[in-house]
C-alpha atoms as a PDB file:
ATOM      1  CA  MET A   1      57.282  71.613 -68.002  1.00  0.00           C
ATOM      2  CA  ASN A   2      54.197  73.429 -68.281  1.00  0.00           C
ATOM      3  CA  SER A   3      51.257  71.768 -67.679  1.00  0.00           C
ATOM      4  CA  GLY A   4      48.421  70.357 -69.852  1.00  0.00           C
ATOM      5  CA  GLY A   5      46.459  73.010 -69.040  1.00  0.00           C
ATOM      6  CA  ALA A   6      49.352  75.782 -69.186  1.00  0.00           C
ATOM      7  CA  SER A   7      49.959  74.480 -72.623  1.00  0.00           C
ATOM      8  CA  GLY A   8      47.117  74.276 -73.854  1.00  0.00           C
ATOM      9  CA  ALA A   9      46.419  78.205 -72.809  1.00  0.00           C
ATOM     10  CA  ARG A  10      49.731  78.995 -74.508  1.00  0.00           C
ATOM     11  CA  GLU A  11      48.808  77.587 -78.119  1.00  0.00           C
ATOM     12  CA  SER A  12      45.555  79.622 -78.134  1.00  0.00           C
ATOM     13  CA  ALA A  13      47.275  82.826 -76.869  1.00  0.00           C
ATOM     14  CA  GLU A  14      48.564  85.182 -79.750  1.00  0.00           C
ATOM     15  CA  PRO A  15      51.530  84.189 -81.935  1.00  0.00           C
ATOM     16  CA  ASP A  16      54.971  85.943 -80.972  1.00  0.00           C
ATOM     17  CA  PHE A  17      55.842  86.323 -84.337  1.00  0.00           C
ATOM     18  CA  LEU A  18      54.542  85.523 -87.949  1.00  0.00           C
ATOM     19  CA  ALA A  19      57.088  83.808 -90.155  1.00  0.00           C
ATOM     20  CA  ILE A  20      57.219  83.390 -94.141  1.00  0.00           C
ATOM     21  CA  VAL A  21      59.443  80.260 -94.561  1.00  0.00           C
ATOM     22  CA  GLY A  22      60.006  77.496 -98.293  1.00  0.00           C
ATOM     23  CA  PRO A  23      62.569  76.503 -99.876  1.00  0.00           C
ATOM     24  CA  THR A  24      65.161  78.572-102.047  1.00  0.00           C
ATOM     25  CA  GLY A  25      63.525  80.544-105.029  1.00  0.00           C
ATOM     26  CA  THR A  26      59.978  80.361-103.755  1.00  0.00           C
ATOM     27  CA  GLY A  27      60.044  84.483-103.649  1.00  0.00           C
ATOM     28  CA  LYS A  28      59.813  85.029 -99.467  1.00  0.00           C
ATOM     29  CA  THR A  29      61.676  87.957 -99.807  1.00  0.00           C
ATOM     30  CA  ALA A  30      59.273  89.911-102.350  1.00  0.00           C
ATOM     31  CA  LEU A  31      56.062  88.589-100.345  1.00  0.00           C
ATOM     32  CA  SER A  32      57.922  89.893 -97.178  1.00  0.00           C
ATOM     33  CA  LEU A  33      58.379  93.202 -97.856  1.00  0.00           C
ATOM     34  CA  ARG A  34      54.543  93.860 -99.117  1.00  0.00           C
ATOM     35  CA  VAL A  35      53.230  91.812 -95.751  1.00  0.00           C
ATOM     36  CA  ALA A  36      55.566  94.122 -93.368  1.00  0.00           C
ATOM     37  CA  THR A  37      54.451  97.392 -95.072  1.00  0.00           C
ATOM     38  CA  GLN A  38      50.504  96.071 -94.127  1.00  0.00           C
ATOM     39  CA  ILE A  39      51.026  94.870 -90.767  1.00  0.00           C
ATOM     40  CA  GLY A  40      53.556  97.367 -89.425  1.00  0.00           C
ATOM     41  CA  GLY A  41      56.729  94.117 -89.563  1.00  0.00           C
ATOM     42  CA  GLU A  42      60.197  94.518 -89.127  1.00  0.00           C
ATOM     43  CA  ILE A  43      61.735  91.789 -90.799  1.00  0.00           C
ATOM     44  CA  ILE A  44      64.172  89.461 -89.147  1.00  0.00           C
ATOM     45  CA  SER A  45      66.665  87.241 -91.486  1.00  0.00           C
ATOM     46  CA  MET A  46      66.282  83.541 -91.215  1.00  0.00           C
ATOM     47  CA  ASP A  47      69.172  82.904 -93.407  1.00  0.00           C
ATOM     48  CA  SER A  48      72.200  81.665 -92.380  1.00  0.00           C
ATOM     49  CA  ARG A  49      74.163  82.632 -94.839  1.00  0.00           C
ATOM     50  CA  GLN A  50      72.755  86.466 -94.730  1.00  0.00           C
ATOM     51  CA  ILE A  51      73.753  87.191 -92.140  1.00  0.00           C
ATOM     52  CA  TYR A  52      77.707  87.254 -93.312  1.00  0.00           C
ATOM     53  CA  ARG A  53      78.998  90.818 -94.167  1.00  0.00           C
ATOM     54  CA  GLY A  54      80.342  90.851 -98.042  1.00  0.00           C
ATOM     55  CA  MET A  55      77.828  88.080 -99.167  1.00  0.00           C
ATOM     56  CA  ASP A  56      74.765  89.903-100.628  1.00  0.00           C
ATOM     57  CA  VAL A  57      74.801  88.498-104.491  1.00  0.00           C
ATOM     58  CA  GLY A  58      74.775  84.695-103.771  1.00  0.00           C
ATOM     59  CA  THR A  59      72.585  85.324-100.506  1.00  0.00           C
ATOM     60  CA  ALA A  60      69.769  87.388-102.380  1.00  0.00           C
ATOM     61  CA  LYS A  61      69.966  89.593 -99.398  1.00  0.00           C
ATOM     62  CA  ALA A  62      67.687  92.508 -99.511  1.00  0.00           C
ATOM     63  CA  ASN A  63      68.983  95.662-101.012  1.00  0.00           C
ATOM     64  CA  PRO A  64      69.711  99.033 -99.398  1.00  0.00           C
ATOM     65  CA  ASP A  65      66.445 100.560-100.880  1.00  0.00           C
ATOM     66  CA  GLU A  66      64.314  97.523 -99.593  1.00  0.00           C
ATOM     67  CA  ARG A  67      65.610  97.835 -96.631  1.00  0.00           C
ATOM     68  CA  ALA A  68      64.666 101.835 -96.283  1.00  0.00           C
ATOM     69  CA  VAL A  69      61.015 100.749 -96.413  1.00  0.00           C
ATOM     70  CA  VAL A  70      61.075  97.690 -94.081  1.00  0.00           C
ATOM     71  CA  PRO A  71      63.994  98.221 -91.335  1.00  0.00           C
ATOM     72  CA  HIS A  72      65.797  94.484 -91.149  1.00  0.00           C
ATOM     73  CA  HIS A  73      67.521  92.368 -88.716  1.00  0.00           C
ATOM     74  CA  GLY A  74      70.266  89.809 -88.929  1.00  0.00           C
ATOM     75  CA  LEU A  75      71.961  90.910 -92.018  1.00  0.00           C
ATOM     76  CA  ASP A  76      75.579  91.507 -92.268  1.00  0.00           C
ATOM     77  CA  ILE A  77      76.449  90.677 -88.115  1.00  0.00           C
ATOM     78  CA  ARG A  78      79.519  88.446 -89.068  1.00  0.00           C
ATOM     79  CA  ASP A  79      82.382  88.315 -91.147  1.00  0.00           C
ATOM     80  CA  PRO A  80      82.306  85.239 -93.227  1.00  0.00           C
ATOM     81  CA  GLY A  81      85.454  83.335 -91.087  1.00  0.00           C
ATOM     82  CA  GLU A  82      83.070  83.401 -88.131  1.00  0.00           C
ATOM     83  CA  ARG A  83      80.823  80.813 -86.713  1.00  0.00           C
ATOM     84  CA  TYR A  84      77.260  81.329 -86.159  1.00  0.00           C
ATOM     85  CA  SER A  85      75.217  78.446 -84.385  1.00  0.00           C
ATOM     86  CA  ALA A  86      71.295  78.436 -84.177  1.00  0.00           C
ATOM     87  CA  GLY A  87      72.216  78.803 -80.990  1.00  0.00           C
ATOM     88  CA  GLN A  88      73.626  81.913 -80.857  1.00  0.00           C
ATOM     89  CA  PHE A  89      70.511  82.852 -83.395  1.00  0.00           C
ATOM     90  CA  GLY A  90      67.545  81.911 -81.272  1.00  0.00           C
ATOM     91  CA  ARG A  91      69.355  84.427 -78.261  1.00  0.00           C
ATOM     92  CA  ASP A  92      69.626  86.919 -81.375  1.00  0.00           C
ATOM     93  CA  ALA A  93      66.502  86.401 -82.432  1.00  0.00           C
ATOM     94  CA  ARG A  94      64.306  87.008 -79.064  1.00  0.00           C
ATOM     95  CA  ARG A  95      66.024  89.677 -78.157  1.00  0.00           C
ATOM     96  CA  TRP A  96      65.106  91.247 -81.793  1.00  0.00           C
ATOM     97  CA  ILE A  97      61.604  89.936 -81.441  1.00  0.00           C
ATOM     98  CA  ARG A  98      61.062  91.772 -77.814  1.00  0.00           C
ATOM     99  CA  GLU A  99      62.279  95.062 -78.865  1.00  0.00           C
ATOM    100  CA  ILE A 100      60.245  94.786 -81.733  1.00  0.00           C
ATOM    101  CA  ARG A 101      57.048  93.915 -80.238  1.00  0.00           C
ATOM    102  CA  GLY A 102      57.972  96.934 -77.440  1.00  0.00           C
ATOM    103  CA  ARG A 103      57.999  99.013 -80.376  1.00  0.00           C
ATOM    104  CA  GLY A 104      54.068  98.170 -80.934  1.00  0.00           C
ATOM    105  CA  ARG A 105      55.118  96.296 -84.403  1.00  0.00           C
ATOM    106  CA  VAL A 106      54.899  92.844 -85.424  1.00  0.00           C
ATOM    107  CA  ALA A 107      58.276  90.552 -85.813  1.00  0.00           C
ATOM    108  CA  LEU A 108      58.526  88.879 -89.208  1.00  0.00           C
ATOM    109  CA  LEU A 109      60.616  86.488 -89.506  1.00  0.00           C
ATOM    110  CA  VAL A 110      62.001  85.143 -93.006  1.00  0.00           C
ATOM    111  CA  GLY A 111      64.124  82.512 -94.584  1.00  0.00           C
ATOM    112  CA  GLY A 112      64.533  78.977 -95.381  1.00  0.00           C
ATOM    113  CA  THR A 113      66.907  78.208 -92.940  1.00  0.00           C
ATOM    114  CA  GLY A 114      64.537  75.892 -90.865  1.00  0.00           C
ATOM    115  CA  PHE A 115      66.515  75.057 -87.502  1.00  0.00           C
ATOM    116  CA  PHE A 116      66.564  79.183 -87.356  1.00  0.00           C
ATOM    117  CA  LEU A 117      63.103  78.560 -86.620  1.00  0.00           C
ATOM    118  CA  LYS A 118      63.040  75.789 -84.380  1.00  0.00           C
ATOM    119  CA  VAL A 119      64.888  76.898 -82.266  1.00  0.00           C
ATOM    120  CA  LEU A 120      62.618  79.696 -81.510  1.00  0.00           C
ATOM    121  CA  THR A 121      59.546  77.340 -81.549  1.00  0.00           C
ATOM    122  CA  ASP A 122      61.343  74.351 -79.804  1.00  0.00           C
ATOM    123  CA  PRO A 123      64.128  75.178 -78.057  1.00  0.00           C
ATOM    124  CA  ILE A 124      67.725  73.435 -78.358  1.00  0.00           C
ATOM    125  CA  PHE A 125      69.496  72.234 -75.385  1.00  0.00           C
ATOM    126  CA  ARG A 126      72.781  74.344 -73.614  1.00  0.00           C
ATOM    127  CA  GLU A 127      75.679  73.133 -75.999  1.00  0.00           C
ATOM    128  CA  PRO A 128      78.722  71.721 -73.648  1.00  0.00           C
ATOM    129  CA  PRO A 129      81.601  73.731 -73.461  1.00  0.00           C
ATOM    130  CA  LEU A 130      84.189  72.929 -76.622  1.00  0.00           C
ATOM    131  CA  ASP A 131      87.767  73.577 -76.982  1.00  0.00           C
ATOM    132  CA  SER A 132      87.742  76.593 -79.635  1.00  0.00           C
ATOM    133  CA  GLY A 133      91.353  76.090 -80.892  1.00  0.00           C
ATOM    134  CA  ARG A 134      90.453  72.320 -81.705  1.00  0.00           C
ATOM    135  CA  ARG A 135      87.004  72.817 -82.800  1.00  0.00           C
ATOM    136  CA  THR A 136      88.710  75.659 -85.148  1.00  0.00           C
ATOM    137  CA  THR A 137      90.663  73.117 -86.478  1.00  0.00           C
ATOM    138  CA  LEU A 138      88.235  70.666 -87.150  1.00  0.00           C
ATOM    139  CA  GLU A 139      85.833  72.691 -88.524  1.00  0.00           C
ATOM    140  CA  GLU A 140      88.076  73.786 -91.431  1.00  0.00           C
ATOM    141  CA  PHE A 141      89.187  69.867 -92.503  1.00  0.00           C
ATOM    142  CA  LEU A 142      85.575  69.131 -92.315  1.00  0.00           C
ATOM    143  CA  GLY A 143      85.242  71.917 -94.878  1.00  0.00           C
ATOM    144  CA  ASN A 144      87.171  70.605 -97.263  1.00  0.00           C
ATOM    145  CA  LEU A 145      85.165  67.576 -97.205  1.00  0.00           C
ATOM    146  CA  PRO A 146      82.722  66.852-100.006  1.00  0.00           C
ATOM    147  CA  GLY A 147      78.749  66.740 -98.459  1.00  0.00           C
ATOM    148  CA  SER A 148      78.455  62.771 -98.854  1.00  0.00           C
ATOM    149  CA  GLU A 149      81.451  62.284 -96.910  1.00  0.00           C
ATOM    150  CA  LEU A 150      79.527  64.424 -94.329  1.00  0.00           C
ATOM    151  CA  GLU A 151      76.670  62.628 -94.154  1.00  0.00           C
ATOM    152  CA  ARG A 152      78.715  59.143 -93.811  1.00  0.00           C
ATOM    153  CA  TRP A 153      80.639  60.965 -91.089  1.00  0.00           C
ATOM    154  CA  VAL A 154      77.044  61.373 -89.685  1.00  0.00           C
ATOM    155  CA  ARG A 155      75.557  57.849 -89.893  1.00  0.00           C
ATOM    156  CA  LEU A 156      78.472  56.810 -88.502  1.00  0.00           C
ATOM    157  CA  LEU A 157      78.967  58.992 -85.233  1.00  0.00           C
ATOM    158  CA  ASP A 158      75.523  59.912 -84.583  1.00  0.00           C
ATOM    159  CA  PRO A 159      72.782  57.712 -86.666  1.00  0.00           C
ATOM    160  CA  ALA A 160      69.848  59.230 -84.561  1.00  0.00           C
ATOM    161  CA  ARG A 161      69.910  62.148 -85.684  1.00  0.00           C
ATOM    162  CA  ALA A 162      71.445  61.758 -89.201  1.00  0.00           C
ATOM    163  CA  ARG A 163      67.940  62.022 -91.627  1.00  0.00           C
ATOM    164  CA  VAL A 164      67.344  65.365 -90.464  1.00  0.00           C
ATOM    165  CA  THR A 165      71.128  66.507 -89.984  1.00  0.00           C
ATOM    166  CA  ALA A 166      71.591  65.560 -93.494  1.00  0.00           C
ATOM    167  CA  GLN A 167      68.608  67.823 -94.553  1.00  0.00           C
ATOM    168  CA  GLY A 168      70.002  70.499 -92.674  1.00  0.00           C
ATOM    169  CA  GLY A 169      72.949  70.899 -94.827  1.00  0.00           C
ATOM    170  CA  ARG A 170      76.897  71.013 -94.326  1.00  0.00           C
ATOM    171  CA  GLN A 171      77.007  73.268 -91.473  1.00  0.00           C
ATOM    172  CA  ARG A 172      74.636  71.668 -89.394  1.00  0.00           C
ATOM    173  CA  MET A 173      76.595  67.959 -90.797  1.00  0.00           C
ATOM    174  CA  VAL A 174      80.022  69.675 -89.614  1.00  0.00           C
ATOM    175  CA  ARG A 175      78.554  71.089 -86.173  1.00  0.00           C
ATOM    176  CA  THR A 176      77.034  67.181 -85.164  1.00  0.00           C
ATOM    177  CA  ILE A 177      80.562  65.524 -86.125  1.00  0.00           C
ATOM    178  CA  SER A 178      82.470  67.953 -84.144  1.00  0.00           C
ATOM    179  CA  VAL A 179      80.318  67.623 -81.158  1.00  0.00           C
ATOM    180  CA  ALA A 180      80.436  63.794 -81.833  1.00  0.00           C
ATOM    181  CA  LEU A 181      84.448  63.946 -81.189  1.00  0.00           C
ATOM    182  CA  LEU A 182      84.940  66.884 -79.105  1.00  0.00           C
ATOM    183  CA  THR A 183      82.775  65.824 -76.357  1.00  0.00           C
ATOM    184  CA  GLY A 184      82.851  62.039 -77.088  1.00  0.00           C
ATOM    185  CA  ARG A 185      78.916  61.977 -76.888  1.00  0.00           C
ATOM    186  CA  PRO A 186      76.564  62.028 -80.192  1.00  0.00           C
ATOM    187  CA  LEU A 187      74.215  65.464 -80.442  1.00  0.00           C
ATOM    188  CA  SER A 188      71.196  62.927 -80.238  1.00  0.00           C
ATOM    189  CA  ALA A 189      72.779  62.323 -75.977  1.00  0.00           C
ATOM    190  CA  TRP A 190      72.869  66.065 -75.547  1.00  0.00           C
ATOM    191  CA  HIS A 191      69.679  66.598 -76.961  1.00  0.00           C
ATOM    192  CA  ARG A 192      68.232  63.959 -74.552  1.00  0.00           C
ATOM    193  CA  ARG A 193      70.387  65.368 -71.198  1.00  0.00           C
ATOM    194  CA  GLN A 194      71.000  68.550 -71.433  1.00  0.00           C
ATOM    195  CA  PRO A 195      67.929  71.774 -70.250  1.00  0.00           C
ATOM    196  CA  THR A 196      66.621  73.872 -73.318  1.00  0.00           C
ATOM    197  CA  GLU A 197      67.938  77.129 -73.334  1.00  0.00           C
ATOM    198  CA  ALA A 198      64.568  79.060 -73.309  1.00  0.00           C
ATOM    199  CA  THR A 199      60.858  78.612 -73.195  1.00  0.00           C
ATOM    200  CA  PRO A 200      59.086  77.768 -76.796  1.00  0.00           C
ATOM    201  CA  LEU A 201      57.683  81.114 -78.775  1.00  0.00           C
ATOM    202  CA  LEU A 202      54.894  80.658 -80.542  1.00  0.00           C
ATOM    203  CA  ALA A 203      54.596  81.508 -84.259  1.00  0.00           C
ATOM    204  CA  LEU A 204      51.888  81.708 -87.038  1.00  0.00           C
ATOM    205  CA  VAL A 205      53.510  80.424 -89.541  1.00  0.00           C
ATOM    206  CA  CYS A 206      53.152  80.350 -93.847  1.00  0.00           C
ATOM    207  CA  LEU A 207      55.076  77.860 -95.934  1.00  0.00           C
ATOM    208  CA  LEU A 208      55.165  78.975 -99.440  1.00  0.00           C
ATOM    209  CA  GLU A 209      54.748  76.118-101.717  1.00  0.00           C
ATOM    210  CA  VAL A 210      55.913  76.189-105.610  1.00  0.00           C
ATOM    211  CA  PRO A 211      55.619  72.642-107.626  1.00  0.00           C
ATOM    212  CA  PRO A 212      59.135  71.283-108.731  1.00  0.00           C
ATOM    213  CA  ASP A 213      59.397  72.051-112.287  1.00  0.00           C
ATOM    214  CA  VAL A 214      58.348  75.688-111.459  1.00  0.00           C
ATOM    215  CA  LEU A 215      61.160  76.098-108.519  1.00  0.00           C
ATOM    216  CA  ASP A 216      63.491  74.768-110.864  1.00  0.00           C
ATOM    217  CA  ALA A 217      63.140  76.988-113.171  1.00  0.00           C
ATOM    218  CA  ARG A 218      63.125  79.965-110.717  1.00  0.00           C
ATOM    219  CA  ILE A 219      66.741  78.616-109.622  1.00  0.00           C
ATOM    220  CA  ARG A 220      68.351  78.536-112.996  1.00  0.00           C
ATOM    221  CA  GLN A 221      67.258  81.957-113.655  1.00  0.00           C
ATOM    222  CA  ARG A 222      68.221  83.237-110.095  1.00  0.00           C
ATOM    223  CA  VAL A 223      71.776  81.766-110.771  1.00  0.00           C
ATOM    224  CA  ARG A 224      72.151  83.392-114.009  1.00  0.00           C
ATOM    225  CA  THR A 225      70.649  86.319-112.469  1.00  0.00           C
ATOM    226  CA  MET A 226      73.409  85.997-110.136  1.00  0.00           C
ATOM    227  CA  VAL A 227      76.270  85.624-112.341  1.00  0.00           C
ATOM    228  CA  GLU A 228      74.640  88.873-114.066  1.00  0.00           C
ATOM    229  CA  GLU A 229      74.766  91.047-110.557  1.00  0.00           C
ATOM    230  CA  GLY A 230      78.042  90.105-110.462  1.00  0.00           C
ATOM    231  CA  PHE A 231      78.206  87.020-107.682  1.00  0.00           C
ATOM    232  CA  VAL A 232      81.515  85.731-109.068  1.00  0.00           C
ATOM    233  CA  GLU A 233      83.614  89.314-108.582  1.00  0.00           C
ATOM    234  CA  GLU A 234      81.965  89.113-104.897  1.00  0.00           C
ATOM    235  CA  VAL A 235      83.580  85.674-104.564  1.00  0.00           C
ATOM    236  CA  ASP A 236      86.839  86.793-105.823  1.00  0.00           C
ATOM    237  CA  ARG A 237      86.386  89.577-102.916  1.00  0.00           C
ATOM    238  CA  LEU A 238      85.974  87.828-100.348  1.00  0.00           C
ATOM    239  CA  LEU A 239      89.201  85.551-101.435  1.00  0.00           C
ATOM    240  CA  ALA A 240      91.218  88.364-101.917  1.00  0.00           C
ATOM    241  CA  ALA A 241      90.310  89.358 -98.570  1.00  0.00           C
ATOM    242  CA  GLY A 242      91.829  86.693 -96.966  1.00  0.00           C
ATOM    243  CA  HIS A 243      89.192  84.301 -96.466  1.00  0.00           C
ATOM    244  CA  ASN A 244      88.643  80.991 -97.824  1.00  0.00           C
ATOM    245  CA  ARG A 245      85.895  78.198 -99.354  1.00  0.00           C
ATOM    246  CA  ALA A 246      86.307  76.328 -95.614  1.00  0.00           C
ATOM    247  CA  ASP A 247      85.439  79.595 -94.048  1.00  0.00           C
ATOM    248  CA  PRO A 248      81.718  79.285 -92.256  1.00  0.00           C
ATOM    249  CA  GLY A 249      79.928  82.004 -94.583  1.00  0.00           C
ATOM    250  CA  LEU A 250      81.981  80.262 -97.612  1.00  0.00           C
ATOM    251  CA  ASP A 251      81.140  77.043 -97.297  1.00  0.00           C
ATOM    252  CA  GLY A 252      77.659  77.697 -98.909  1.00  0.00           C
ATOM    253  CA  VAL A 253      76.284  76.459-101.997  1.00  0.00           C
ATOM    254  CA  GLY A 254      77.778  78.798-105.214  1.00  0.00           C
ATOM    255  CA  TYR A 255      80.146  80.323-102.886  1.00  0.00           C
ATOM    256  CA  ARG A 256      82.104  76.947-103.311  1.00  0.00           C
ATOM    257  CA  GLU A 257      81.727  76.319-106.644  1.00  0.00           C
ATOM    258  CA  MET A 258      82.701  80.282-107.446  1.00  0.00           C
ATOM    259  CA  ALA A 259      85.521  79.885-105.339  1.00  0.00           C
ATOM    260  CA  ASP A 260      86.680  76.349-107.209  1.00  0.00           C
ATOM    261  CA  HIS A 261      86.363  78.459-110.532  1.00  0.00           C
ATOM    262  CA  LEU A 262      88.682  81.171-109.461  1.00  0.00           C
ATOM    263  CA  ALA A 263      91.226  78.951-108.206  1.00  0.00           C
ATOM    264  CA  GLY A 264      91.060  77.539-112.188  1.00  0.00           C
ATOM    265  CA  ALA A 265      89.648  74.058-111.151  1.00  0.00           C
ATOM    266  CA  ILE A 266      86.674  73.983-112.961  1.00  0.00           C
ATOM    267  CA  SER A 267      85.275  76.274-115.634  1.00  0.00           C
ATOM    268  CA  LEU A 268      82.847  79.453-114.949  1.00  0.00           C
ATOM    269  CA  ASP A 269      79.979  77.560-117.097  1.00  0.00           C
ATOM    270  CA  GLU A 270      81.014  74.770-115.071  1.00  0.00           C
ATOM    271  CA  ALA A 271      80.525  76.046-111.622  1.00  0.00           C
ATOM    272  CA  VAL A 272      77.240  78.007-112.923  1.00  0.00           C
ATOM    273  CA  GLU A 273      75.957  74.468-113.558  1.00  0.00           C
ATOM    274  CA  ARG A 274      77.201  72.902-110.327  1.00  0.00           C
ATOM    275  CA  THR A 275      75.797  75.779-108.508  1.00  0.00           C
ATOM    276  CA  ARG A 276      72.257  75.213-110.121  1.00  0.00           C
ATOM    277  CA  VAL A 277      72.420  71.477-109.270  1.00  0.00           C
ATOM    278  CA  ALA A 278      73.072  71.932-105.534  1.00  0.00           C
ATOM    279  CA  THR A 279      71.049  74.738-105.265  1.00  0.00           C
ATOM    280  CA  ARG A 280      68.027  72.779-106.638  1.00  0.00           C
ATOM    281  CA  GLN A 281      69.059  69.828-104.143  1.00  0.00           C
ATOM    282  CA  TYR A 282      68.926  71.899-101.305  1.00  0.00           C
ATOM    283  CA  ALA A 283      65.806  73.113-102.086  1.00  0.00           C
ATOM    284  CA  ARG A 284      64.597  69.451-102.354  1.00  0.00           C
ATOM    285  CA  ARG A 285      65.809  69.179 -98.574  1.00  0.00           C
ATOM    286  CA  GLN A 286      64.552  72.154 -97.563  1.00  0.00           C
ATOM    287  CA  ARG A 287      61.136  71.161 -99.193  1.00  0.00           C
ATOM    288  CA  THR A 288      61.134  67.829 -96.951  1.00  0.00           C
ATOM    289  CA  TRP A 289      62.055  69.877 -93.383  1.00  0.00           C
ATOM    290  CA  PHE A 290      59.543  71.895 -94.027  1.00  0.00           C
ATOM    291  CA  ARG A 291      56.808  69.113 -94.773  1.00  0.00           C
ATOM    292  CA  HIS A 292      57.689  67.350 -91.759  1.00  0.00           C
ATOM    293  CA  GLN A 293      58.695  69.823 -88.952  1.00  0.00           C
ATOM    294  CA  LEU A 294      56.481  72.610 -89.178  1.00  0.00           C
ATOM    295  CA  GLY A 295      54.096  72.750 -86.294  1.00  0.00           C
ATOM    296  CA  PRO A 296      50.143  72.822 -86.307  1.00  0.00           C
ATOM    297  CA  ARG A 297      50.124  76.707 -86.738  1.00  0.00           C
ATOM    298  CA  THR A 298      51.407  75.955 -90.360  1.00  0.00           C
ATOM    299  CA  PHE A 299      49.590  77.380 -93.730  1.00  0.00           C
ATOM    300  CA  GLY A 300      50.689  77.061 -97.551  1.00  0.00           C
ATOM    301  CA  VAL A 301      50.403  79.876 -99.687  1.00  0.00           C
ATOM    302  CA  ASP A 302      50.868  79.076-103.607  1.00  0.00           C
ATOM    303  CA  GLY A 303      53.725  80.862-104.413  1.00  0.00           C
ATOM    304  CA  THR A 304      53.032  80.881-108.072  1.00  0.00           C
ATOM    305  CA  GLU A 305      49.330  83.333-107.353  1.00  0.00           C
ATOM    306  CA  PRO A 306      50.589  87.099-107.915  1.00  0.00           C
ATOM    307  CA  VAL A 307      52.247  88.292-105.163  1.00  0.00           C
ATOM    308  CA  GLU A 308      49.541  90.426-104.383  1.00  0.00           C
ATOM    309  CA  ALA A 309      47.315  87.778-103.756  1.00  0.00           C
ATOM    310  CA  GLN A 310      49.942  85.938-102.047  1.00  0.00           C
ATOM    311  CA  CYS A 311      49.979  89.190 -99.090  1.00  0.00           C
ATOM    312  CA  ALA A 312      46.048  89.318 -98.867  1.00  0.00           C
ATOM    313  CA  ALA A 313      46.175  85.665 -97.890  1.00  0.00           C
ATOM    314  CA  VAL A 314      48.937  85.756 -95.293  1.00  0.00           C
ATOM    315  CA  VAL A 315      47.850  89.197 -94.323  1.00  0.00           C
ATOM    316  CA  GLY A 316      44.385  87.915 -93.655  1.00  0.00           C
ATOM    317  CA  ALA A 317      45.679  84.903 -91.678  1.00  0.00           C
ATOM    318  CA  TRP A 318      47.600  86.641 -89.418  1.00  0.00           C
ATOM    319  CA  ARG A 319      44.851  89.430 -88.218  1.00  0.00           C
ATOM    320  CA  SER A 320      42.322  86.738 -87.876  1.00  0.00           C
ATOM    321  CA  CYS A 321      45.357  84.668 -85.686  1.00  0.00           C
ATOM    322  CA  MET A 322      45.402  87.694 -83.427  1.00  0.00           C
ATOM    323  CA  ALA A 323      41.015  88.214 -83.371  1.00  0.00           C
ATOM    324  CA  ARG A 324      41.668  84.703 -81.981  1.00  0.00           C
ATOM    325  CA  GLY A 325      44.244  85.027 -79.434  1.00  0.00           C
ATOM    326  CA  ALA A 326      42.917  88.249 -78.314  1.00  0.00           C
ATOM    327  CA  THR A 327      39.345  86.780 -77.028  1.00  0.00           C
END
């Protein structure tokens, strides 16, 4: 552990990276592209679904033209059937940040997966070894349970982490349950006893904020646009390739609902409505998480302002923070 003086000196130093975070639908992608071009940045995706190949429309992934303008990292690095933990993201992101800074550029982390940010600023414990075969079987079983049932299991197996785990969504709940069942010890106990993987990084964090009614309208339009741009066809291709709704990639908002539609269980209109409702609920969980989990170097930006004004606010905050750290 660092002493108080060392910690204070570290807190006043230049940040290791800039992050733009916020719930789904707040406009992070458009803002990040503008900011990156102005500060010489390269974007690292902090989205737990954008890592998967073939999942473009449903994750609102940056398109090839946008990637040609600003280098992106953390996209298309896993197949939908592969697991990708926050711990693995932390290891990958630290490498990307070192490489980006080594090129004299700014690492700009963008996304709504709060745990991906947290693993860098507040590193997690070293995960205990788990039997891969048993883990895969258990995760496939848990992947078919409704969210309410997963929450019930989490409350029974690890009540100390129940609230924060539920805010993290299905993948976080599945991991919490799996660790408890396969090790005989709840995740909260491992957090207390195991050493962390790395030292904390410093971040300047921009939180994009949008009123709930505006965000709901944006989510409605976003789901509609996804369908128009071929979301149903995207899910159909993934299923035809041998993936299923219990895969880590497809066990997400929208993909589950469209898989049910393609299986004939629900109509397209019902799948669209369920996707909208699930996305809105997820955005509310994200808002709650960001409200309680972000550190002191966080500033809010009004996501209803013109993107040019948002960009000016973020760039100004970054340059001011860097100037203070350099003195």
